[in-house]
Protein backbone atom coordinates (compact mmCIF):
# COMPACT_ATOMS: atom_id res chain seq x y z
CA MET A 1 10.81 -4.67 -9.32
CA GLU A 2 12.61 -6.38 -6.47
CA ILE A 3 15.99 -4.69 -6.04
CA SER A 4 17.28 -6.82 -3.18
CA ASN A 5 16.19 -9.35 -0.61
CA SER A 6 19.38 -9.21 1.41
CA ALA A 7 17.90 -8.89 4.87
CA GLY A 8 21.31 -9.51 6.45
CA LEU A 9 22.95 -6.64 4.57
CA PHE A 10 20.17 -4.23 5.49
CA TRP A 11 20.01 -5.22 9.16
CA ASP A 12 23.80 -5.07 9.49
CA ARG A 13 23.76 -1.53 8.12
CA LEU A 14 20.83 -0.51 10.32
CA GLY A 15 22.62 -2.01 13.33
CA GLU A 16 25.56 0.32 12.72
CA LEU A 17 23.16 3.17 13.58
CA GLY A 18 21.76 1.35 16.61
CA LEU A 19 18.54 0.46 14.82
CA THR A 20 17.10 -2.94 15.66
CA THR A 21 13.88 -4.87 15.09
CA SER A 22 12.54 -3.31 18.28
CA ASN A 23 13.19 0.35 17.50
CA TYR A 24 13.53 0.79 13.73
CA THR A 25 9.92 1.86 13.21
CA GLU A 26 10.67 5.03 15.19
CA GLU A 27 13.10 6.26 12.48
CA PRO A 28 11.51 5.68 9.03
CA GLU A 29 13.59 8.39 7.29
CA ALA A 30 16.86 7.07 8.70
CA VAL A 31 15.92 3.51 7.72
CA GLY A 32 15.11 4.64 4.17
CA GLN A 33 18.41 6.48 3.83
CA VAL A 34 20.36 3.43 5.05
CA LEU A 35 18.56 1.09 2.64
CA LEU A 36 19.16 3.21 -0.46
CA ARG A 37 22.77 3.91 0.56
CA ALA A 38 23.35 0.15 1.00
CA ILE A 39 22.15 -0.47 -2.57
CA ASP A 40 24.34 2.33 -3.95
CA ASP A 41 27.31 1.02 -1.95
CA ARG A 42 26.76 -2.51 -3.25
CA HIS A 43 26.81 -1.20 -6.82
CA ALA A 44 29.93 0.87 -6.18
CA ALA A 45 31.75 -2.14 -4.69
CA ALA A 46 31.15 -4.11 -7.90
CA ASP A 47 32.67 -1.38 -10.10
CA VAL A 48 35.88 -2.03 -12.06
CA SER A 49 37.43 1.03 -10.44
CA ARG A 50 37.26 -0.88 -7.12
CA GLY A 51 38.48 -4.19 -8.48
CA GLY A 52 35.02 -5.46 -9.43
CA SER A 53 33.92 -6.70 -12.81
CA VAL A 54 31.09 -4.27 -13.62
CA LEU A 55 31.12 -0.92 -15.40
CA VAL A 56 28.59 0.57 -13.01
CA ASP A 57 28.33 3.91 -14.80
CA ARG A 58 27.22 2.02 -17.92
CA SER A 59 24.82 -0.32 -16.09
CA SER A 60 21.09 -0.11 -15.57
CA TYR A 61 18.03 -2.12 -14.60
CA LEU A 62 16.17 -3.80 -17.45
CA VAL A 63 12.58 -4.72 -16.64
CA LEU A 64 10.25 -6.85 -18.71
CA SER A 65 6.63 -5.90 -18.07
CA TRP A 66 3.63 -7.83 -19.33
CA ASN A 67 -0.12 -7.80 -19.20
CA GLY A 68 -2.80 -10.47 -19.33
CA GLN A 69 -3.33 -9.98 -23.06
CA GLY A 70 0.14 -11.34 -23.87
CA ARG A 71 1.82 -8.00 -24.52
CA TYR A 72 5.33 -7.32 -23.25
CA GLN A 73 7.58 -4.28 -23.05
CA LEU A 74 11.13 -3.72 -21.90
CA HIS A 75 12.00 -0.65 -19.82
CA GLN A 76 15.49 0.51 -18.88
CA PHE A 77 15.94 2.41 -15.61
CA PRO A 78 19.02 3.97 -14.02
CA LEU A 79 20.82 2.14 -11.20
CA HIS A 80 20.54 5.08 -8.84
CA LEU A 81 17.01 4.84 -7.56
CA PHE A 82 16.15 8.01 -5.71
CA ARG A 83 17.59 10.51 -3.33
CA ALA A 84 16.23 9.24 -0.03
CA GLU A 85 15.66 12.77 1.23
CA ASP A 86 13.28 13.45 -1.70
CA LEU A 87 10.90 10.73 -0.52
CA SER A 88 8.37 10.68 2.28
CA TRP A 89 9.11 7.61 4.46
CA SER A 90 6.63 5.96 6.84
CA PHE A 91 5.62 2.56 8.10
CA ARG A 92 2.39 1.28 6.63
CA PRO A 93 -0.46 1.62 9.09
CA PRO A 94 -2.24 -1.64 9.88
CA GLY A 95 -5.21 -2.47 7.67
CA ALA A 96 -8.53 -3.81 8.82
CA GLY A 97 -8.09 -6.89 10.99
CA GLN A 98 -4.33 -6.43 11.45
CA LYS A 99 -2.64 -6.07 14.79
CA ARG A 100 -0.83 -2.84 15.58
CA LEU A 101 2.55 -4.63 15.40
CA ASP A 102 1.89 -5.58 11.78
CA ALA A 103 2.47 -1.95 10.75
CA SER A 104 6.21 -2.53 11.07
CA ARG A 105 6.19 -5.12 8.30
CA CYS A 106 6.38 -2.56 5.49
CA LEU A 107 8.29 0.69 5.13
CA LEU A 108 6.82 2.89 2.39
CA ALA A 109 8.42 5.73 0.48
CA LEU A 110 6.13 8.08 -1.43
CA ASP A 111 7.37 10.32 -4.23
CA GLY A 112 4.38 12.52 -5.05
CA HIS A 113 2.97 10.02 -7.58
CA GLY A 114 2.40 7.18 -5.13
CA VAL A 115 4.50 4.40 -3.67
CA ALA A 116 8.07 4.53 -5.00
CA VAL A 117 9.77 2.06 -2.63
CA GLU A 118 8.64 -0.65 -0.22
CA TRP A 119 10.78 -2.56 2.24
CA TYR A 120 9.69 -5.65 4.12
CA GLY A 121 12.34 -5.79 6.82
CA ARG A 122 10.72 -8.42 9.01
CA SER A 123 9.57 -10.79 6.29
CA GLY A 124 12.46 -11.54 3.94
CA GLY A 125 14.05 -8.13 3.58
CA GLN A 126 12.66 -7.41 0.12
CA LEU A 127 13.32 -3.91 -1.18
CA LYS A 128 10.92 -3.14 -4.01
CA TYR A 129 11.14 -0.24 -6.43
CA TYR A 130 8.18 1.03 -8.45
CA PRO A 131 9.48 3.32 -11.18
CA LEU A 132 7.11 5.14 -13.49
CA ALA A 133 7.31 3.91 -17.08
CA ARG A 134 7.61 7.50 -18.26
CA ASN A 135 10.87 7.81 -16.28
CA ALA A 136 12.52 5.00 -18.23
CA ILE A 137 15.79 5.82 -20.01
CA TRP A 138 14.58 3.67 -22.88
CA CYS A 139 11.68 1.39 -23.70
CA SER A 140 11.04 -1.10 -26.44
CA PRO A 141 8.00 -1.15 -28.62
CA VAL A 142 5.21 -3.33 -27.23
CA LEU A 143 5.87 -6.91 -28.30
CA GLU A 144 3.79 -10.02 -28.59
CA LEU A 145 5.32 -13.46 -28.41
CA GLU A 146 4.37 -16.22 -30.77
CA PRO A 147 2.06 -18.69 -29.09
CA VAL A 148 3.66 -22.02 -28.27
CA PRO A 149 2.10 -24.74 -30.47
CA GLN A 150 -0.03 -27.18 -28.48
CA GLU A 151 2.08 -30.18 -29.55
CA VAL A 152 5.16 -28.50 -28.03
CA VAL A 153 3.32 -27.72 -24.78
CA GLU A 154 2.39 -31.38 -24.48
CA LEU A 155 6.06 -32.45 -24.77
CA GLY A 156 6.91 -31.16 -21.30
CA LEU A 157 9.97 -29.13 -20.33
CA VAL A 158 12.70 -31.41 -21.71
CA GLY A 159 10.72 -32.07 -24.86
CA ARG A 160 10.25 -28.35 -25.44
CA ALA A 161 13.95 -27.66 -24.95
CA ARG A 162 14.76 -30.48 -27.39
CA SER A 163 12.35 -29.02 -29.99
CA TYR A 164 13.76 -25.49 -29.60
CA PHE A 165 17.41 -26.55 -29.66
CA PRO A 166 17.56 -29.78 -31.71
CA ASN A 167 21.32 -29.49 -32.42
CA LEU A 168 22.16 -29.45 -28.71
CA TRP A 169 20.24 -32.63 -27.83
């Protein structure tokens, strides 16, 4: 799941440590710690105890997963992702046909099961989190959605909304 794409927030925080686009690949562990701390700080700033409007200690991530067979499942994960020091941080080595500089496009964090976190600092700032389903606080049963009747599909977006919510149109 994509936790944040706030490149400005992340680079501002990295800049406070003197890390820039020209030297940040030399400090993968420090970068990882800054990123996860920035997310935790953003959550804390939104808490009611700090004048925000969110009960952070009662909040979580809710993820809807699906597969190609039309099956869906909800998973609930805690807001606190990981302890940065429990992860192994490195910049992805370039793949076949990539230039050496391309390695800096993705910071990886491994947790012993595989990739736990990815950060794309030079291409949008996306911070992605890959939790294991077995670590979910809660999960729904697997669900299947009713197929949309063909006549509704043919109505287009407004027509579908009108057919689903006839009293509002």
